[in-house]
Amino acid sequence: LGAMGFFVGCLVKSDPMISGSGIPQVEGILMKRLDANWLRVL
């Protein structure tokens, strides 16, 4: 579990846009206040 958590943490650090739910990020993009690398986020 610790190894899994560390790996997922590395993903979050690499791209903070994947953190949490993701719905606020989508709303931020639609409001033109956030930008994202769509392929990396996916």
Full PDB file with SEQRES, HELIX, SHEET, SSBOND, CRYST1, ORIGX, SCALE, CONECT and MASTER records, all heavy atoms in Angstrom:
SEQRES   1 A   42  LEU GLY ALA MET GLY PHE PHE VAL GLY CYS LEU VAL LYS          
SEQRES   2 A   42  SER ASP PRO MET ILE SER GLY SER GLY ILE PRO GLN VAL          
SEQRES   3 A   42  GLU GLY ILE LEU MET LYS ARG LEU ASP ALA ASN TRP LEU          
SEQRES   4 A   42  ARG VAL LEU                                                  
HELIX    1 AA1 GLY A    2  SER A   14  1                                  13    
HELIX    2 AA2 PRO A   16  ILE A   18  5                                   3    
HELIX    3 AA3 ILE A   23  LEU A   30  1                                   8    
HELIX    4 AA4 TRP A   38  VAL A   41  1                                   4    
CRYST1    1.000    1.000    1.000  90.00  90.00  90.00 P 1           1          
ORIGX1      1.000000  0.000000  0.000000        0.00000                         
ORIGX2      0.000000  1.000000  0.000000        0.00000                         
ORIGX3      0.000000  0.000000  1.000000        0.00000                         
SCALE1      1.000000  0.000000  0.000000        0.00000                         
SCALE2      0.000000  1.000000  0.000000        0.00000                         
SCALE3      0.000000  0.000000  1.000000        0.00000                         
ATOM      1  N   LEU A   1       0.827  -1.212   0.000  1.00  0.00           N  
ATOM      2  CA  LEU A   1       0.000   0.000   0.000  1.00  0.00           C  
ATOM      3  C   LEU A   1       0.856   1.255   0.000  1.00  0.00           C  
ATOM      4  O   LEU A   1       0.552   2.237  -0.691  1.00  0.00           O  
ATOM      5  CB  LEU A   1      -0.934   0.001   1.211  1.00  0.00           C  
ATOM      6  CG  LEU A   1      -2.083  -1.008   1.180  1.00  0.00           C  
ATOM      7  CD1 LEU A   1      -2.801  -1.040   2.520  1.00  0.00           C  
ATOM      8  CD2 LEU A   1      -3.072  -0.674   0.070  1.00  0.00           C  
ATOM      9  N   GLY A   2       1.940   1.247   0.768  1.00  0.00           N  
ATOM     10  CA  GLY A   2       2.837   2.393   0.790  1.00  0.00           C  
ATOM     11  C   GLY A   2       3.469   2.646  -0.568  1.00  0.00           C  
ATOM     12  O   GLY A   2       3.585   3.800  -1.005  1.00  0.00           O  
ATOM     13  N   ALA A   3       3.866   1.559  -1.250  1.00  0.00           N  
ATOM     14  CA  ALA A   3       4.454   1.701  -2.585  1.00  0.00           C  
ATOM     15  C   ALA A   3       3.430   2.248  -3.576  1.00  0.00           C  
ATOM     16  O   ALA A   3       3.746   3.114  -4.403  1.00  0.00           O  
ATOM     17  CB  ALA A   3       4.976   0.346  -3.059  1.00  0.00           C  
ATOM     18  N   MET A   4       2.179   1.756  -3.482  1.00  0.00           N  
ATOM     19  CA  MET A   4       1.126   2.263  -4.354  1.00  0.00           C  
ATOM     20  C   MET A   4       0.880   3.743  -4.098  1.00  0.00           C  
ATOM     21  O   MET A   4       0.752   4.542  -5.035  1.00  0.00           O  
ATOM     22  CB  MET A   4      -0.165   1.472  -4.138  1.00  0.00           C  
ATOM     23  CG  MET A   4      -0.098   0.021  -4.597  1.00  0.00           C  
ATOM     24  SD  MET A   4      -1.597  -0.926  -4.157  1.00  0.00           S  
ATOM     25  CE  MET A   4      -2.840  -0.111  -5.161  1.00  0.00           C  
ATOM     26  N   GLY A   5       0.820   4.117  -2.816  1.00  0.00           N  
ATOM     27  CA  GLY A   5       0.603   5.515  -2.469  1.00  0.00           C  
ATOM     28  C   GLY A   5       1.736   6.408  -2.948  1.00  0.00           C  
ATOM     29  O   GLY A   5       1.502   7.520  -3.444  1.00  0.00           O  
ATOM     30  N   PHE A   6       2.965   5.926  -2.826  1.00  0.00           N  
ATOM     31  CA  PHE A   6       4.120   6.723  -3.273  1.00  0.00           C  
ATOM     32  C   PHE A   6       4.061   6.927  -4.782  1.00  0.00           C  
ATOM     33  O   PHE A   6       4.314   8.040  -5.275  1.00  0.00           O  
ATOM     34  CB  PHE A   6       5.421   6.018  -2.879  1.00  0.00           C  
ATOM     35  CG  PHE A   6       6.652   6.810  -3.211  1.00  0.00           C  
ATOM     36  CD1 PHE A   6       7.116   7.799  -2.348  1.00  0.00           C  
ATOM     37  CD2 PHE A   6       7.353   6.580  -4.392  1.00  0.00           C  
ATOM     38  CE1 PHE A   6       8.240   8.547  -2.651  1.00  0.00           C  
ATOM     39  CE2 PHE A   6       8.478   7.324  -4.707  1.00  0.00           C  
ATOM     40  CZ  PHE A   6       8.930   8.304  -3.838  1.00  0.00           C  
ATOM     41  N   PHE A   7       3.709   5.875  -5.515  1.00  0.00           N  
ATOM     42  CA  PHE A   7       3.630   5.985  -6.975  1.00  0.00           C  
ATOM     43  C   PHE A   7       2.538   6.965  -7.395  1.00  0.00           C  
ATOM     44  O   PHE A   7       2.760   7.817  -8.261  1.00  0.00           O  
ATOM     45  CB  PHE A   7       3.362   4.608  -7.590  1.00  0.00           C  
ATOM     46  CG  PHE A   7       3.212   4.636  -9.084  1.00  0.00           C  
ATOM     47  CD1 PHE A   7       4.311   4.791  -9.909  1.00  0.00           C  
ATOM     48  CD2 PHE A   7       1.952   4.526  -9.672  1.00  0.00           C  
ATOM     49  CE1 PHE A   7       4.178   4.825 -11.292  1.00  0.00           C  
ATOM     50  CE2 PHE A   7       1.801   4.562 -11.050  1.00  0.00           C  
ATOM     51  CZ  PHE A   7       2.925   4.711 -11.862  1.00  0.00           C  
ATOM     52  N   VAL A   8       1.361   6.856  -6.779  1.00  0.00           N  
ATOM     53  CA  VAL A   8       0.270   7.788  -7.104  1.00  0.00           C  
ATOM     54  C   VAL A   8       0.672   9.211  -6.718  1.00  0.00           C  
ATOM     55  O   VAL A   8       0.369  10.169  -7.441  1.00  0.00           O  
ATOM     56  CB  VAL A   8      -1.029   7.375  -6.389  1.00  0.00           C  
ATOM     57  CG1 VAL A   8      -2.124   8.433  -6.592  1.00  0.00           C  
ATOM     58  CG2 VAL A   8      -1.514   6.026  -6.898  1.00  0.00           C  
ATOM     59  N   GLY A   9       1.390   9.355  -5.583  1.00  0.00           N  
ATOM     60  CA  GLY A   9       1.885  10.673  -5.183  1.00  0.00           C  
ATOM     61  C   GLY A   9       2.828  11.262  -6.210  1.00  0.00           C  
ATOM     62  O   GLY A   9       2.824  12.478  -6.449  1.00  0.00           O  
ATOM     63  N   CYS A  10       3.648  10.417  -6.832  1.00  0.00           N  
ATOM     64  CA  CYS A  10       4.542  10.890  -7.889  1.00  0.00           C  
ATOM     65  C   CYS A  10       3.751  11.413  -9.085  1.00  0.00           C  
ATOM     66  O   CYS A  10       4.122  12.422  -9.703  1.00  0.00           O  
ATOM     67  CB  CYS A  10       5.475   9.761  -8.334  1.00  0.00           C  
ATOM     68  SG  CYS A  10       6.735   9.309  -7.113  1.00  0.00           S  
ATOM     69  N   LEU A  11       2.654  10.733  -9.401  1.00  0.00           N  
ATOM     70  CA  LEU A  11       1.795  11.196 -10.495  1.00  0.00           C  
ATOM     71  C   LEU A  11       1.175  12.549 -10.164  1.00  0.00           C  
ATOM     72  O   LEU A  11       1.125  13.446 -11.010  1.00  0.00           O  
ATOM     73  CB  LEU A  11       0.695  10.169 -10.767  1.00  0.00           C  
ATOM     74  CG  LEU A  11       1.113   8.790 -11.278  1.00  0.00           C  
ATOM     75  CD1 LEU A  11      -0.124   7.909 -11.477  1.00  0.00           C  
ATOM     76  CD2 LEU A  11       1.890   8.891 -12.574  1.00  0.00           C  
ATOM     77  N   VAL A  12       0.709  12.700  -8.920  1.00  0.00           N  
ATOM     78  CA  VAL A  12       0.099  13.963  -8.494  1.00  0.00           C  
ATOM     79  C   VAL A  12       1.122  15.088  -8.514  1.00  0.00           C  
ATOM     80  O   VAL A  12       0.824  16.214  -8.928  1.00  0.00           O  
ATOM     81  CB  VAL A  12      -0.529  13.818  -7.094  1.00  0.00           C  
ATOM     82  CG1 VAL A  12      -1.040  15.174  -6.590  1.00  0.00           C  
ATOM     83  CG2 VAL A  12      -1.666  12.811  -7.108  1.00  0.00           C  
ATOM     84  N   LYS A  13       2.341  14.794  -8.070  1.00  0.00           N  
ATOM     85  CA  LYS A  13       3.384  15.825  -8.082  1.00  0.00           C  
ATOM     86  C   LYS A  13       3.746  16.215  -9.508  1.00  0.00           C  
ATOM     87  O   LYS A  13       3.991  17.395  -9.803  1.00  0.00           O  
ATOM     88  CB  LYS A  13       4.623  15.313  -7.358  1.00  0.00           C  
ATOM     89  CG  LYS A  13       5.728  16.364  -7.258  1.00  0.00           C  
ATOM     90  CD  LYS A  13       6.927  15.855  -6.488  1.00  0.00           C  
ATOM     91  CE  LYS A  13       8.008  16.941  -6.389  1.00  0.00           C  
ATOM     92  NZ  LYS A  13       9.194  16.467  -5.645  1.00  0.00           N  
ATOM     93  N   SER A  14       3.768  15.226 -10.410  1.00  0.00           N  
ATOM     94  CA  SER A  14       4.104  15.497 -11.804  1.00  0.00           C  
ATOM     95  C   SER A  14       3.056  16.369 -12.482  1.00  0.00           C  
ATOM     96  O   SER A  14       3.388  17.236 -13.293  1.00  0.00           O  
ATOM     97  CB  SER A  14       4.262  14.178 -12.565  1.00  0.00           C  
ATOM     98  OG  SER A  14       4.523  14.413 -13.930  1.00  0.00           O  
ATOM     99  N   ASP A  15       1.787  16.145 -12.141  1.00  0.00           N  
ATOM    100  CA  ASP A  15       0.712  16.963 -12.700  1.00  0.00           C  
ATOM    101  C   ASP A  15      -0.369  17.162 -11.641  1.00  0.00           C  
ATOM    102  O   ASP A  15      -1.251  16.310 -11.468  1.00  0.00           O  
ATOM    103  CB  ASP A  15       0.104  16.299 -13.936  1.00  0.00           C  
ATOM    104  CG  ASP A  15      -0.795  17.252 -14.718  1.00  0.00           C  
ATOM    105  OD1 ASP A  15      -1.232  18.275 -14.142  1.00  0.00           O  
ATOM    106  OD2 ASP A  15      -1.058  16.995 -15.900  1.00  0.00           O  
ATOM    107  N   PRO A  16      -0.327  18.282 -10.906  1.00  0.00           N  
ATOM    108  CA  PRO A  16      -1.309  18.539  -9.837  1.00  0.00           C  
ATOM    109  C   PRO A  16      -2.750  18.606 -10.323  1.00  0.00           C  
ATOM    110  O   PRO A  16      -3.675  18.524  -9.514  1.00  0.00           O  
ATOM    111  CB  PRO A  16      -0.862  19.894  -9.267  1.00  0.00           C  
ATOM    112  CG  PRO A  16       0.579  20.022  -9.643  1.00  0.00           C  
ATOM    113  CD  PRO A  16       0.699  19.332 -10.966  1.00  0.00           C  
ATOM    114  N   MET A  17      -2.958  18.734 -11.630  1.00  0.00           N  
ATOM    115  CA  MET A  17      -4.328  18.810 -12.148  1.00  0.00           C  
ATOM    116  C   MET A  17      -5.100  17.510 -11.955  1.00  0.00           C  
ATOM    117  O   MET A  17      -6.325  17.495 -12.068  1.00  0.00           O  
ATOM    118  CB  MET A  17      -4.302  19.176 -13.634  1.00  0.00           C  
ATOM    119  CG  MET A  17      -4.015  20.639 -13.898  1.00  0.00           C  
ATOM    120  SD  MET A  17      -5.364  21.729 -13.408  1.00  0.00           S  
ATOM    121  CE  MET A  17      -6.523  21.497 -14.741  1.00  0.00           C  
ATOM    122  N   ILE A  18      -4.417  16.400 -11.672  1.00  0.00           N  
ATOM    123  CA  ILE A  18      -5.130  15.124 -11.484  1.00  0.00           C  
ATOM    124  C   ILE A  18      -5.543  14.922 -10.032  1.00  0.00           C  
ATOM    125  O   ILE A  18      -6.196  13.929  -9.710  1.00  0.00           O  
ATOM    126  CB  ILE A  18      -4.274  13.927 -11.942  1.00  0.00           C  
ATOM    127  CG1 ILE A  18      -3.118  13.675 -10.956  1.00  0.00           C  
ATOM    128  CG2 ILE A  18      -3.755  14.122 -13.345  1.00  0.00           C  
ATOM    129  CD1 ILE A  18      -2.451  12.327 -11.118  1.00  0.00           C  
ATOM    130  N   SER A  19      -5.173  15.819  -9.156  1.00  0.00           N  
ATOM    131  CA  SER A  19      -5.460  15.628  -7.737  1.00  0.00           C  
ATOM    132  C   SER A  19      -6.947  15.771  -7.450  1.00  0.00           C  
ATOM    133  O   SER A  19      -7.683  16.470  -8.146  1.00  0.00           O  
ATOM    134  CB  SER A  19      -4.686  16.640  -6.894  1.00  0.00           C  
ATOM    135  OG  SER A  19      -5.091  17.960  -7.198  1.00  0.00           O  
ATOM    136  N   GLY A  20      -7.401  15.083  -6.412  1.00  0.00           N  
ATOM    137  CA  GLY A  20      -8.775  15.214  -5.954  1.00  0.00           C  
ATOM    138  C   GLY A  20      -9.800  14.724  -6.963  1.00  0.00           C  
ATOM    139  O   GLY A  20      -9.555  13.827  -7.774  1.00  0.00           O  
ATOM    140  N   SER A  21     -10.958  15.351  -6.924  1.00  0.00           N  
ATOM    141  CA  SER A  21     -12.086  14.929  -7.743  1.00  0.00           C  
ATOM    142  C   SER A  21     -11.840  15.134  -9.231  1.00  0.00           C  
ATOM    143  O   SER A  21     -12.087  14.270 -10.046  1.00  0.00           O  
ATOM    144  CB  SER A  21     -13.345  15.690  -7.312  1.00  0.00           C  
ATOM    145  OG  SER A  21     -14.380  15.514  -8.241  1.00  0.00           O  
ATOM    146  N   GLY A  22     -11.376  16.319  -9.591  1.00  0.00           N  
ATOM    147  CA  GLY A  22     -11.197  16.658 -10.996  1.00  0.00           C  
ATOM    148  C   GLY A  22     -12.302  17.540 -11.532  1.00  0.00           C  
ATOM    149  O   GLY A  22     -12.119  18.247 -12.531  1.00  0.00           O  
ATOM    150  N   ILE A  23     -13.453  17.526 -10.877  1.00  0.00           N  
ATOM    151  CA  ILE A  23     -14.562  18.353 -11.341  1.00  0.00           C  
ATOM    152  C   ILE A  23     -14.261  19.852 -11.187  1.00  0.00           C  
ATOM    153  O   ILE A  23     -14.547  20.635 -12.100  1.00  0.00           O  
ATOM    154  CB  ILE A  23     -15.867  17.963 -10.619  1.00  0.00           C  
ATOM    155  CG1 ILE A  23     -16.267  16.536 -11.012  1.00  0.00           C  
ATOM    156  CG2 ILE A  23     -17.004  18.934 -10.952  1.00  0.00           C  
ATOM    157  CD1 ILE A  23     -17.477  15.990 -10.290  1.00  0.00           C  
ATOM    158  N   PRO A  24     -13.684  20.299 -10.055  1.00  0.00           N  
ATOM    159  CA  PRO A  24     -13.319  21.723  -9.980  1.00  0.00           C  
ATOM    160  C   PRO A  24     -12.333  22.134 -11.069  1.00  0.00           C  
ATOM    161  O   PRO A  24     -12.421  23.244 -11.599  1.00  0.00           O  
ATOM    162  CB  PRO A  24     -12.684  21.839  -8.583  1.00  0.00           C  
ATOM    163  CG  PRO A  24     -13.272  20.720  -7.799  1.00  0.00           C  
ATOM    164  CD  PRO A  24     -13.435  19.605  -8.780  1.00  0.00           C  
ATOM    165  N   GLN A  25     -11.406  21.240 -11.427  1.00  0.00           N  
ATOM    166  CA  GLN A  25     -10.454  21.547 -12.491  1.00  0.00           C  
ATOM    167  C   GLN A  25     -11.165  21.734 -13.827  1.00  0.00           C  
ATOM    168  O   GLN A  25     -10.833  22.636 -14.603  1.00  0.00           O  
ATOM    169  CB  GLN A  25      -9.400  20.439 -12.614  1.00  0.00           C  
ATOM    170  CG  GLN A  25      -8.431  20.360 -11.442  1.00  0.00           C  
ATOM    171  CD  GLN A  25      -8.899  19.422 -10.354  1.00  0.00           C  
ATOM    172  OE1 GLN A  25     -10.034  19.508  -9.898  1.00  0.00           O  
ATOM    173  NE2 GLN A  25      -8.029  18.521  -9.920  1.00  0.00           N  
ATOM    174  N   VAL A  26     -12.159  20.883 -14.098  1.00  0.00           N  
ATOM    175  CA  VAL A  26     -12.920  20.999 -15.337  1.00  0.00           C  
ATOM    176  C   VAL A  26     -13.651  22.343 -15.380  1.00  0.00           C  
ATOM    177  O   VAL A  26     -13.645  23.038 -16.406  1.00  0.00           O  
ATOM    178  CB  VAL A  26     -13.930  19.835 -15.474  1.00  0.00           C  
ATOM    179  CG1 VAL A  26     -14.837  20.045 -16.680  1.00  0.00           C  
ATOM    180  CG2 VAL A  26     -13.196  18.509 -15.601  1.00  0.00           C  
ATOM    181  N   GLU A  27     -14.254  22.728 -14.263  1.00  0.00           N  
ATOM    182  CA  GLU A  27     -14.954  24.006 -14.208  1.00  0.00           C  
ATOM    183  C   GLU A  27     -13.978  25.165 -14.380  1.00  0.00           C  
ATOM    184  O   GLU A  27     -14.298  26.167 -15.023  1.00  0.00           O  
ATOM    185  CB  GLU A  27     -15.709  24.120 -12.884  1.00  0.00           C  
ATOM    186  CG  GLU A  27     -16.845  23.106 -12.747  1.00  0.00           C  
ATOM    187  CD  GLU A  27     -17.605  23.243 -11.444  1.00  0.00           C  
ATOM    188  OE1 GLU A  27     -17.218  24.099 -10.621  1.00  0.00           O  
ATOM    189  OE2 GLU A  27     -18.584  22.493 -11.246  1.00  0.00           O  
ATOM    190  N   GLY A  28     -12.775  25.037 -13.807  1.00  0.00           N  
ATOM    191  CA  GLY A  28     -11.756  26.075 -13.953  1.00  0.00           C  
ATOM    192  C   GLY A  28     -11.312  26.225 -15.392  1.00  0.00           C  
ATOM    193  O   GLY A  28     -11.064  27.345 -15.873  1.00  0.00           O  
ATOM    194  N   ILE A  29     -11.190  25.111 -16.111  1.00  0.00           N  
ATOM    195  CA  ILE A  29     -10.816  25.157 -17.526  1.00  0.00           C  
ATOM    196  C   ILE A  29     -11.902  25.848 -18.344  1.00  0.00           C  
ATOM    197  O   ILE A  29     -11.617  26.675 -19.217  1.00  0.00           O  
ATOM    198  CB  ILE A  29     -10.554  23.728 -18.059  1.00  0.00           C  
ATOM    199  CG1 ILE A  29      -9.280  23.160 -17.433  1.00  0.00           C  
ATOM    200  CG2 ILE A  29     -10.427  23.732 -19.579  1.00  0.00           C  
ATOM    201  CD1 ILE A  29      -9.043  21.700 -17.732  1.00  0.00           C  
ATOM    202  N   LEU A  30     -13.151  25.540 -18.063  1.00  0.00           N  
ATOM    203  CA  LEU A  30     -14.261  26.163 -18.787  1.00  0.00           C  
ATOM    204  C   LEU A  30     -14.359  27.656 -18.482  1.00  0.00           C  
ATOM    205  O   LEU A  30     -14.823  28.433 -19.317  1.00  0.00           O  
ATOM    206  CB  LEU A  30     -15.576  25.474 -18.438  1.00  0.00           C  
ATOM    207  CG  LEU A  30     -15.738  24.041 -18.968  1.00  0.00           C  
ATOM    208  CD1 LEU A  30     -16.990  23.395 -18.395  1.00  0.00           C  
ATOM    209  CD2 LEU A  30     -15.794  24.037 -20.490  1.00  0.00           C  
ATOM    210  N   MET A  31     -13.918  28.044 -17.293  1.00  0.00           N  
ATOM    211  CA  MET A  31     -13.920  29.466 -16.917  1.00  0.00           C  
ATOM    212  C   MET A  31     -12.686  30.190 -17.429  1.00  0.00           C  
ATOM    213  O   MET A  31     -12.514  31.385 -17.184  1.00  0.00           O  
ATOM    214  CB  MET A  31     -13.985  29.602 -15.388  1.00  0.00           C  
ATOM    215  CG  MET A  31     -15.292  29.156 -14.777  1.00  0.00           C  
ATOM    216  SD  MET A  31     -15.189  29.045 -12.969  1.00  0.00           S  
ATOM    217  CE  MET A  31     -14.774  30.754 -12.565  1.00  0.00           C  
ATOM    218  N   LYS A  32     -11.784  29.447 -18.131  1.00  0.00           N  
ATOM    219  CA  LYS A  32     -10.552  30.010 -18.672  1.00  0.00           C  
ATOM    220  C   LYS A  32      -9.569  30.432 -17.592  1.00  0.00           C  
ATOM    221  O   LYS A  32      -8.694  31.272 -17.821  1.00  0.00           O  
ATOM    222  CB  LYS A  32     -10.845  31.220 -19.579  1.00  0.00           C  
ATOM    223  CG  LYS A  32     -11.836  30.958 -20.689  1.00  0.00           C  
ATOM    224  CD  LYS A  32     -11.311  29.943 -21.677  1.00  0.00           C  
ATOM    225  CE  LYS A  32     -12.277  29.737 -22.832  1.00  0.00           C  
ATOM    226  NZ  LYS A  32     -11.815  28.696 -23.773  1.00  0.00           N  
ATOM    227  N   ARG A  33      -9.684  29.838 -16.392  1.00  0.00           N  
ATOM    228  CA  ARG A  33      -8.776  30.184 -15.305  1.00  0.00           C  
ATOM    229  C   ARG A  33      -7.740  29.098 -15.055  1.00  0.00           C  
ATOM    230  O   ARG A  33      -6.800  29.308 -14.299  1.00  0.00           O  
ATOM    231  CB  ARG A  33      -9.562  30.467 -14.023  1.00  0.00           C  
ATOM    232  CG  ARG A  33     -10.441  31.710 -14.135  1.00  0.00           C  
ATOM    233  CD  ARG A  33     -10.955  32.156 -12.784  1.00  0.00           C  
ATOM    234  NE  ARG A  33     -11.761  33.355 -12.907  1.00  0.00           N  
ATOM    235  CZ  ARG A  33     -11.279  34.597 -12.898  1.00  0.00           C  
ATOM    236  NH1 ARG A  33      -9.979  34.805 -12.794  1.00  0.00           N  
ATOM    237  NH2 ARG A  33     -12.083  35.643 -12.996  1.00  0.00           N  
ATOM    238  N   LEU A  34      -7.925  27.948 -15.647  1.00  0.00           N  
ATOM    239  CA  LEU A  34      -6.963  26.862 -15.543  1.00  0.00           C  
ATOM    240  C   LEU A  34      -6.697  26.304 -16.929  1.00  0.00           C  
ATOM    241  O   LEU A  34      -7.528  26.409 -17.827  1.00  0.00           O  
ATOM    242  CB  LEU A  34      -7.478  25.740 -14.632  1.00  0.00           C  
ATOM    243  CG  LEU A  34      -7.647  26.040 -13.142  1.00  0.00           C  
ATOM    244  CD1 LEU A  34      -8.282  24.854 -12.438  1.00  0.00           C  
ATOM    245  CD2 LEU A  34      -6.322  26.401 -12.483  1.00  0.00           C  
ATOM    246  N   ASP A  35      -5.520  25.732 -17.088  1.00  0.00           N  
ATOM    247  CA  ASP A  35      -5.183  25.069 -18.337  1.00  0.00           C  
ATOM    248  C   ASP A  35      -4.626  23.697 -18.002  1.00  0.00           C  
ATOM    249  O   ASP A  35      -4.138  23.470 -16.885  1.00  0.00           O  
ATOM    250  CB  ASP A  35      -4.168  25.888 -19.124  1.00  0.00           C  
ATOM    251  CG  ASP A  35      -4.114  25.475 -20.587  1.00  0.00           C  
ATOM    252  OD1 ASP A  35      -4.957  24.659 -20.995  1.00  0.00           O  
ATOM    253  OD2 ASP A  35      -3.226  25.966 -21.307  1.00  0.00           O  
ATOM    254  N   ALA A  36      -4.694  22.770 -18.939  1.00  0.00           N  
ATOM    255  CA  ALA A  36      -4.251  21.404 -18.648  1.00  0.00           C  
ATOM    256  C   ALA A  36      -3.711  20.739 -19.897  1.00  0.00           C  
ATOM    257  O   ALA A  36      -4.111  21.057 -21.025  1.00  0.00           O  
ATOM    258  CB  ALA A  36      -5.412  20.581 -18.080  1.00  0.00           C  
ATOM    259  N   ASN A  37      -2.798  19.809 -19.689  1.00  0.00           N  
ATOM    260  CA  ASN A  37      -2.321  18.927 -20.748  1.00  0.00           C  
ATOM    261  C   ASN A  37      -3.280  17.740 -20.796  1.00  0.00           C  
ATOM    262  O   ASN A  37      -3.224  16.848 -19.948  1.00  0.00           O  
ATOM    263  CB  ASN A  37      -0.896  18.464 -20.448  1.00  0.00           C  
ATOM    264  CG  ASN A  37      -0.315  17.573 -21.526  1.00  0.00           C  
ATOM    265  OD1 ASN A  37      -0.978  16.681 -22.040  1.00  0.00           O  
ATOM    266  ND2 ASN A  37       0.936  17.811 -21.868  1.00  0.00           N  
ATOM    267  N   TRP A  38      -4.172  17.717 -21.761  1.00  0.00           N  
ATOM    268  CA  TRP A  38      -5.290  16.769 -21.754  1.00  0.00           C  
ATOM    269  C   TRP A  38      -4.825  15.314 -21.769  1.00  0.00           C  
ATOM    270  O   TRP A  38      -5.401  14.478 -21.070  1.00  0.00           O  
ATOM    271  CB  TRP A  38      -6.218  17.033 -22.929  1.00  0.00           C  
ATOM    272  CG  TRP A  38      -5.623  16.714 -24.279  1.00  0.00           C  
ATOM    273  CD1 TRP A  38      -4.927  17.555 -25.090  1.00  0.00           C  
ATOM    274  CD2 TRP A  38      -5.666  15.452 -24.943  1.00  0.00           C  
ATOM    275  NE1 TRP A  38      -4.530  16.906 -26.226  1.00  0.00           N  
ATOM    276  CE2 TRP A  38      -4.967  15.607 -26.176  1.00  0.00           C  
ATOM    277  CE3 TRP A  38      -6.221  14.211 -24.650  1.00  0.00           C  
ATOM    278  CZ2 TRP A  38      -4.813  14.570 -27.095  1.00  0.00           C  
ATOM    279  CZ3 TRP A  38      -6.065  13.172 -25.560  1.00  0.00           C  
ATOM    280  CH2 TRP A  38      -5.373  13.348 -26.752  1.00  0.00           C  
ATOM    281  N   LEU A  39      -3.787  15.007 -22.535  1.00  0.00           N  
ATOM    282  CA  LEU A  39      -3.342  13.615 -22.642  1.00  0.00           C  
ATOM    283  C   LEU A  39      -2.712  13.140 -21.340  1.00  0.00           C  
ATOM    284  O   LEU A  39      -2.986  12.025 -20.873  1.00  0.00           O  
ATOM    285  CB  LEU A  39      -2.349  13.471 -23.798  1.00  0.00           C  
ATOM    286  CG  LEU A  39      -1.829  12.051 -24.055  1.00  0.00           C  
ATOM    287  CD1 LEU A  39      -2.985  11.099 -24.343  1.00  0.00           C  
ATOM    288  CD2 LEU A  39      -0.833  12.042 -25.209  1.00  0.00           C  
ATOM    289  N   ARG A  40      -1.901  13.986 -20.737  1.00  0.00           N  
ATOM    290  CA  ARG A  40      -1.263  13.614 -19.474  1.00  0.00           C  
ATOM    291  C   ARG A  40      -2.302  13.456 -18.365  1.00  0.00           C  
ATOM    292  O   ARG A  40      -2.236  12.509 -17.578  1.00  0.00           O  
ATOM    293  CB  ARG A  40      -0.219  14.673 -19.087  1.00  0.00           C  
ATOM    294  CG  ARG A  40       0.650  14.264 -17.894  1.00  0.00           C  
ATOM    295  CD  ARG A  40       1.813  15.216 -17.754  1.00  0.00           C  
ATOM    296  NE  ARG A  40       1.360  16.592 -17.527  1.00  0.00           N  
ATOM    297  CZ  ARG A  40       2.054  17.667 -17.874  1.00  0.00           C  
ATOM    298  NH1 ARG A  40       3.219  17.545 -18.495  1.00  0.00           N  
ATOM    299  NH2 ARG A  40       1.586  18.876 -17.620  1.00  0.00           N  
ATOM    300  N   VAL A  41      -3.258  14.367 -18.327  1.00  0.00           N  
ATOM    301  CA  VAL A  41      -4.324  14.264 -17.321  1.00  0.00           C  
ATOM    302  C   VAL A  41      -5.118  12.980 -17.522  1.00  0.00           C  
ATOM    303  O   VAL A  41      -5.441  12.274 -16.559  1.00  0.00           O  
ATOM    304  CB  VAL A  41      -5.252  15.498 -17.385  1.00  0.00           C  
ATOM    305  CG1 VAL A  41      -6.514  15.269 -16.564  1.00  0.00           C  
ATOM    306  CG2 VAL A  41      -4.524  16.742 -16.882  1.00  0.00           C  
ATOM    307  N   LEU A  42      -5.437  12.659 -18.764  1.00  0.00           N  
ATOM    308  CA  LEU A  42      -6.217  11.460 -19.068  1.00  0.00           C  
ATOM    309  C   LEU A  42      -5.498  10.198 -18.597  1.00  0.00           C  
ATOM    310  O   LEU A  42      -6.084   9.345 -17.920  1.00  0.00           O  
ATOM    311  CB  LEU A  42      -6.494  11.390 -20.570  1.00  0.00           C  
ATOM    312  CG  LEU A  42      -7.268  10.161 -21.070  1.00  0.00           C  
ATOM    313  CD1 LEU A  42      -8.646  10.082 -20.419  1.00  0.00           C  
ATOM    314  CD2 LEU A  42      -7.405  10.199 -22.595  1.00  0.00           C  
TER     315      LEU A  42                                                      
MASTER        0    0    0    4    0    0    0    6  314    1    0    4          
END                                                                             
